[in-house]
N, C-alpha and C. Protein backbone atom coordinates (compact mmCIF):
# COMPACT_ATOMS: atom_id res chain seq x y z
N UNK A 1 -85.31 70.63 15.32
CA UNK A 1 -84.97 70.03 16.63
C UNK A 1 -84.78 71.21 17.58
N UNK A 2 -85.30 71.13 18.73
CA UNK A 2 -85.17 72.10 19.83
C UNK A 2 -83.61 72.12 20.26
N UNK A 3 -83.25 73.27 20.78
CA UNK A 3 -81.86 73.34 21.24
C UNK A 3 -81.68 72.37 22.41
N UNK A 4 -80.56 71.68 22.54
CA UNK A 4 -80.15 70.86 23.66
C UNK A 4 -79.63 71.78 24.77
N UNK A 5 -79.89 71.50 25.96
CA UNK A 5 -79.24 72.29 27.07
C UNK A 5 -78.02 71.46 27.57
N UNK A 6 -76.88 71.97 27.21
CA UNK A 6 -75.61 71.25 27.56
C UNK A 6 -75.06 71.99 28.78
N UNK A 7 -74.94 71.37 29.94
CA UNK A 7 -74.46 72.00 31.14
C UNK A 7 -73.45 71.12 31.92
N UNK A 8 -72.98 71.65 33.04
CA UNK A 8 -72.04 70.93 33.84
C UNK A 8 -70.93 70.39 33.12
N UNK A 9 -70.37 71.17 32.11
CA UNK A 9 -69.23 70.70 31.35
C UNK A 9 -68.05 70.65 32.21
N UNK A 10 -67.26 69.56 32.25
CA UNK A 10 -66.10 69.35 33.05
C UNK A 10 -64.96 68.93 32.05
N UNK A 11 -63.97 69.67 31.94
CA UNK A 11 -62.85 69.42 30.97
C UNK A 11 -61.63 68.92 31.86
N UNK A 12 -61.07 67.82 31.45
CA UNK A 12 -59.84 67.22 32.00
C UNK A 12 -58.75 67.30 31.08
N UNK A 13 -57.77 68.26 31.30
CA UNK A 13 -56.64 68.39 30.45
C UNK A 13 -55.68 67.19 30.54
N UNK A 14 -55.10 66.79 29.43
CA UNK A 14 -54.03 65.82 29.47
C UNK A 14 -52.90 66.30 28.56
N UNK A 15 -51.79 65.68 28.67
CA UNK A 15 -50.73 66.03 27.76
C UNK A 15 -51.02 65.60 26.35
N UNK A 16 -51.11 66.54 25.45
CA UNK A 16 -51.65 66.14 24.09
C UNK A 16 -50.79 65.08 23.44
N UNK A 17 -51.49 64.13 22.77
CA UNK A 17 -50.68 62.98 22.05
C UNK A 17 -51.72 62.47 20.94
N UNK A 18 -51.14 62.30 19.81
CA UNK A 18 -51.84 61.71 18.68
C UNK A 18 -53.26 62.38 18.37
N UNK A 19 -53.36 63.70 18.59
CA UNK A 19 -54.51 64.41 18.31
C UNK A 19 -55.48 64.58 19.53
N UNK A 20 -55.18 63.77 20.55
CA UNK A 20 -56.03 63.80 21.71
C UNK A 20 -55.61 65.01 22.61
N UNK A 21 -56.58 65.80 22.96
CA UNK A 21 -56.33 67.10 23.70
C UNK A 21 -56.74 66.98 25.19
N UNK A 22 -57.93 66.41 25.32
CA UNK A 22 -58.62 66.44 26.78
C UNK A 22 -59.69 65.35 26.69
N UNK A 23 -60.24 65.26 27.93
CA UNK A 23 -61.52 64.45 28.05
C UNK A 23 -62.54 65.44 28.73
N UNK A 24 -63.72 65.02 28.40
CA UNK A 24 -64.78 65.83 29.05
C UNK A 24 -65.99 65.02 29.54
N UNK A 25 -66.80 65.63 30.35
CA UNK A 25 -68.13 65.07 30.82
C UNK A 25 -69.15 66.27 30.62
N UNK A 26 -70.41 65.96 30.56
CA UNK A 26 -71.43 66.94 30.49
C UNK A 26 -72.72 66.35 30.80
N UNK A 27 -73.74 67.31 30.91
CA UNK A 27 -75.19 66.83 31.12
C UNK A 27 -76.02 67.38 30.08
N UNK A 28 -76.93 66.62 29.52
CA UNK A 28 -77.80 66.92 28.50
C UNK A 28 -79.30 67.09 29.16
N UNK A 29 -79.76 68.32 28.92
CA UNK A 29 -81.04 68.61 29.35
C UNK A 29 -81.32 68.34 30.86
N UNK A 30 -80.38 68.58 31.57
CA UNK A 30 -80.57 68.44 33.04
C UNK A 30 -81.02 66.94 33.37
N UNK A 31 -80.74 65.93 32.51
CA UNK A 31 -81.27 64.64 32.62
C UNK A 31 -80.31 63.44 32.39
N UNK A 32 -79.34 63.72 31.45
CA UNK A 32 -78.45 62.67 31.16
C UNK A 32 -76.97 63.06 31.21
N UNK A 33 -76.26 62.28 32.05
CA UNK A 33 -74.86 62.53 32.21
C UNK A 33 -74.13 61.75 31.11
N UNK A 34 -73.15 62.38 30.48
CA UNK A 34 -72.23 61.69 29.43
C UNK A 34 -70.82 61.99 29.86
N UNK A 35 -70.10 60.93 29.98
CA UNK A 35 -68.69 61.06 30.48
C UNK A 35 -67.70 60.41 29.47
N UNK A 36 -66.49 60.60 29.76
CA UNK A 36 -65.34 59.92 29.00
C UNK A 36 -65.37 60.30 27.47
N UNK A 37 -65.71 61.47 27.19
CA UNK A 37 -65.82 61.83 25.82
C UNK A 37 -64.33 62.55 25.51
N UNK A 38 -63.75 62.07 24.44
CA UNK A 38 -62.44 62.58 24.09
C UNK A 38 -62.58 63.78 23.25
N UNK A 39 -61.74 64.79 23.44
CA UNK A 39 -61.63 65.99 22.53
C UNK A 39 -60.48 65.89 21.78
N UNK A 40 -60.51 65.79 20.49
CA UNK A 40 -59.44 65.57 19.57
C UNK A 40 -59.23 66.60 18.52
N UNK A 41 -58.09 66.90 18.07
CA UNK A 41 -57.87 67.88 16.98
C UNK A 41 -58.59 67.32 15.66
N UNK A 42 -59.09 68.23 14.84
CA UNK A 42 -59.70 67.82 13.59
C UNK A 42 -58.51 67.96 12.45
N UNK A 43 -58.88 67.37 11.34
CA UNK A 43 -57.92 67.63 10.20
C UNK A 43 -58.00 69.00 9.75
N UNK A 44 -59.07 69.79 10.10
CA UNK A 44 -59.11 71.21 9.68
C UNK A 44 -58.44 71.91 10.96
N UNK A 45 -57.40 72.72 10.62
CA UNK A 45 -56.60 73.34 11.68
C UNK A 45 -57.54 74.29 12.55
N UNK A 46 -57.39 74.23 13.81
CA UNK A 46 -58.24 75.13 14.76
C UNK A 46 -59.50 74.48 15.09
N UNK A 47 -59.90 73.40 14.54
CA UNK A 47 -61.19 72.76 14.86
C UNK A 47 -61.00 71.54 15.57
N UNK A 48 -62.03 70.98 16.31
CA UNK A 48 -61.95 69.89 17.09
C UNK A 48 -63.06 68.92 16.87
N UNK A 49 -62.97 67.62 17.21
CA UNK A 49 -63.96 66.65 17.04
C UNK A 49 -64.09 65.92 18.37
N UNK A 50 -65.23 65.32 18.59
CA UNK A 50 -65.38 64.59 19.83
C UNK A 50 -65.48 63.09 19.50
N UNK A 51 -64.90 62.30 20.46
CA UNK A 51 -65.00 60.79 20.25
C UNK A 51 -65.61 60.28 21.42
N UNK A 52 -66.82 59.63 21.27
CA UNK A 52 -67.56 59.07 22.41
C UNK A 52 -67.10 57.71 22.78
N UNK A 53 -67.38 57.38 24.10
CA UNK A 53 -66.85 56.11 24.76
C UNK A 53 -67.38 54.88 24.05
N UNK A 54 -66.55 53.81 24.02
CA UNK A 54 -66.90 52.56 23.44
C UNK A 54 -66.64 51.51 24.50
N UNK A 55 -67.48 50.48 24.71
CA UNK A 55 -67.16 49.38 25.60
C UNK A 55 -66.69 48.25 24.74
N UNK A 56 -65.56 47.69 25.04
CA UNK A 56 -65.04 46.58 24.44
C UNK A 56 -65.26 45.29 25.17
N UNK A 57 -66.00 44.37 24.60
CA UNK A 57 -66.36 43.05 25.23
C UNK A 57 -65.05 42.12 25.26
N UNK A 58 -65.11 41.14 26.02
CA UNK A 58 -64.00 40.10 25.98
C UNK A 58 -63.97 39.45 24.60
N UNK A 59 -65.08 39.35 23.94
CA UNK A 59 -65.14 38.75 22.61
C UNK A 59 -64.57 39.58 21.53
N UNK A 60 -64.24 40.89 21.89
CA UNK A 60 -63.68 41.80 20.89
C UNK A 60 -64.75 42.68 20.24
N UNK A 61 -65.93 42.43 20.53
CA UNK A 61 -67.03 43.33 19.99
C UNK A 61 -67.06 44.66 20.74
N UNK A 62 -67.21 45.68 19.96
CA UNK A 62 -67.27 47.03 20.45
C UNK A 62 -68.69 47.57 20.49
N UNK A 63 -69.10 48.12 21.60
CA UNK A 63 -70.41 48.65 21.81
C UNK A 63 -70.39 50.16 22.00
N UNK A 64 -70.99 50.94 21.15
CA UNK A 64 -71.11 52.38 21.28
C UNK A 64 -72.32 52.59 22.22
N UNK A 65 -72.15 53.18 23.35
CA UNK A 65 -73.30 53.30 24.26
C UNK A 65 -73.74 54.74 24.57
N UNK A 66 -73.06 55.64 24.18
CA UNK A 66 -73.36 57.08 24.34
C UNK A 66 -72.88 57.92 23.15
N UNK A 67 -73.74 58.45 22.40
CA UNK A 67 -73.36 59.31 21.27
C UNK A 67 -74.55 60.00 20.76
N UNK A 68 -74.39 61.08 19.96
CA UNK A 68 -75.54 61.79 19.46
C UNK A 68 -76.07 60.97 18.25
N UNK A 69 -77.35 60.96 18.00
CA UNK A 69 -77.90 60.09 16.93
C UNK A 69 -78.16 60.96 15.69
N UNK A 70 -77.97 62.24 15.66
CA UNK A 70 -78.11 63.02 14.43
C UNK A 70 -77.10 64.18 14.42
N UNK A 71 -76.97 64.72 13.30
CA UNK A 71 -75.99 65.70 13.06
C UNK A 71 -76.23 67.09 13.79
N UNK A 72 -77.49 67.40 14.04
CA UNK A 72 -77.90 68.64 14.70
C UNK A 72 -77.42 68.46 16.20
N UNK A 73 -77.79 67.32 16.79
CA UNK A 73 -77.37 67.09 18.24
C UNK A 73 -75.88 67.09 18.36
N UNK A 74 -75.16 66.42 17.45
CA UNK A 74 -73.77 66.34 17.49
C UNK A 74 -73.14 67.73 17.31
N UNK A 75 -73.66 68.62 16.56
CA UNK A 75 -73.13 70.03 16.34
C UNK A 75 -73.36 70.75 17.66
N UNK A 76 -74.57 70.66 18.20
CA UNK A 76 -74.80 71.44 19.33
C UNK A 76 -73.89 71.04 20.60
N UNK A 77 -73.69 69.76 20.74
CA UNK A 77 -72.82 69.16 21.77
C UNK A 77 -71.44 69.68 21.53
N UNK A 78 -70.91 69.45 20.29
CA UNK A 78 -69.48 69.91 19.96
C UNK A 78 -69.25 71.30 20.21
N UNK A 79 -70.20 72.19 19.79
CA UNK A 79 -69.98 73.62 19.95
C UNK A 79 -69.92 74.03 21.35
N UNK A 80 -70.75 73.45 22.22
CA UNK A 80 -70.75 73.68 23.73
C UNK A 80 -69.44 73.22 24.36
N UNK A 81 -68.99 72.03 23.88
CA UNK A 81 -67.80 71.42 24.50
C UNK A 81 -66.50 72.30 24.03
N UNK A 82 -66.50 72.58 22.74
CA UNK A 82 -65.30 73.37 22.21
C UNK A 82 -65.32 74.75 22.82
N UNK A 83 -66.38 75.32 23.02
CA UNK A 83 -66.50 76.69 23.61
C UNK A 83 -65.85 76.64 25.06
N UNK A 84 -66.25 75.60 25.88
CA UNK A 84 -65.66 75.48 27.16
C UNK A 84 -64.23 75.10 27.18
N UNK A 85 -63.88 74.17 26.28
CA UNK A 85 -62.45 73.74 26.13
C UNK A 85 -61.57 75.02 25.77
N UNK A 86 -61.97 75.85 24.86
CA UNK A 86 -61.28 77.07 24.55
C UNK A 86 -61.03 77.99 25.74
N UNK A 87 -62.11 78.08 26.49
CA UNK A 87 -61.88 78.87 27.74
C UNK A 87 -60.88 78.27 28.73
N UNK A 88 -60.86 76.99 28.83
CA UNK A 88 -59.87 76.31 29.70
C UNK A 88 -58.48 76.59 29.16
N UNK A 89 -58.30 76.41 27.86
CA UNK A 89 -56.97 76.57 27.19
C UNK A 89 -56.55 78.10 27.44
N UNK A 90 -57.49 79.03 27.21
CA UNK A 90 -57.21 80.42 27.38
C UNK A 90 -56.71 80.71 28.81
N UNK A 91 -57.47 80.14 29.71
CA UNK A 91 -57.19 80.46 31.15
C UNK A 91 -55.79 79.86 31.59
N UNK A 92 -55.51 78.66 30.97
CA UNK A 92 -54.18 78.04 31.24
C UNK A 92 -53.07 78.91 30.71
N UNK A 93 -53.21 79.32 29.48
CA UNK A 93 -52.22 80.21 28.82
C UNK A 93 -52.04 81.52 29.60
N UNK A 94 -53.16 82.07 30.11
CA UNK A 94 -52.98 83.29 30.90
C UNK A 94 -52.28 82.99 32.17
N UNK A 95 -52.56 81.91 32.86
CA UNK A 95 -51.92 81.63 34.04
C UNK A 95 -50.46 81.34 33.82
N UNK A 96 -50.12 80.66 32.75
CA UNK A 96 -48.67 80.37 32.44
C UNK A 96 -47.95 81.67 32.10
N UNK A 97 -48.51 82.61 31.34
CA UNK A 97 -47.91 83.87 31.16
C UNK A 97 -47.70 84.64 32.36
N UNK A 98 -48.66 84.69 33.28
CA UNK A 98 -48.54 85.33 34.58
C UNK A 98 -47.37 84.83 35.40
N UNK A 99 -47.33 83.46 35.42
CA UNK A 99 -46.18 82.82 36.16
C UNK A 99 -44.87 83.08 35.62
N UNK A 100 -44.76 83.22 34.24
CA UNK A 100 -43.45 83.50 33.58
C UNK A 100 -42.99 84.93 33.89
N UNK A 101 -43.90 85.79 34.28
CA UNK A 101 -43.58 87.23 34.61
C UNK A 101 -43.07 87.31 36.01
N UNK A 102 -43.27 86.37 36.92
CA UNK A 102 -42.91 86.39 38.27
C UNK A 102 -41.44 86.38 38.47
């Protein structure tokens, strides 16, 4: 599989709860926008997993409408998102340390 081009990654930080750390959106191959993807902690310390959006119908049926269809695509997307999320966390920690010194 050719490498996916993951761009325009936007991270939305939230107060962590039940493993949920943030939400993100991104563009795949400059063609497909994917939004409302949850970034969650993994059972392995220091690792993260992505949870893709689900539409719940009035009947209770859940429809998965945006998700990678193979492991290679999932890995490429996760690595790009986690890399960007790690930058956001580092920047936030740096800002907080700077403000503490004032």
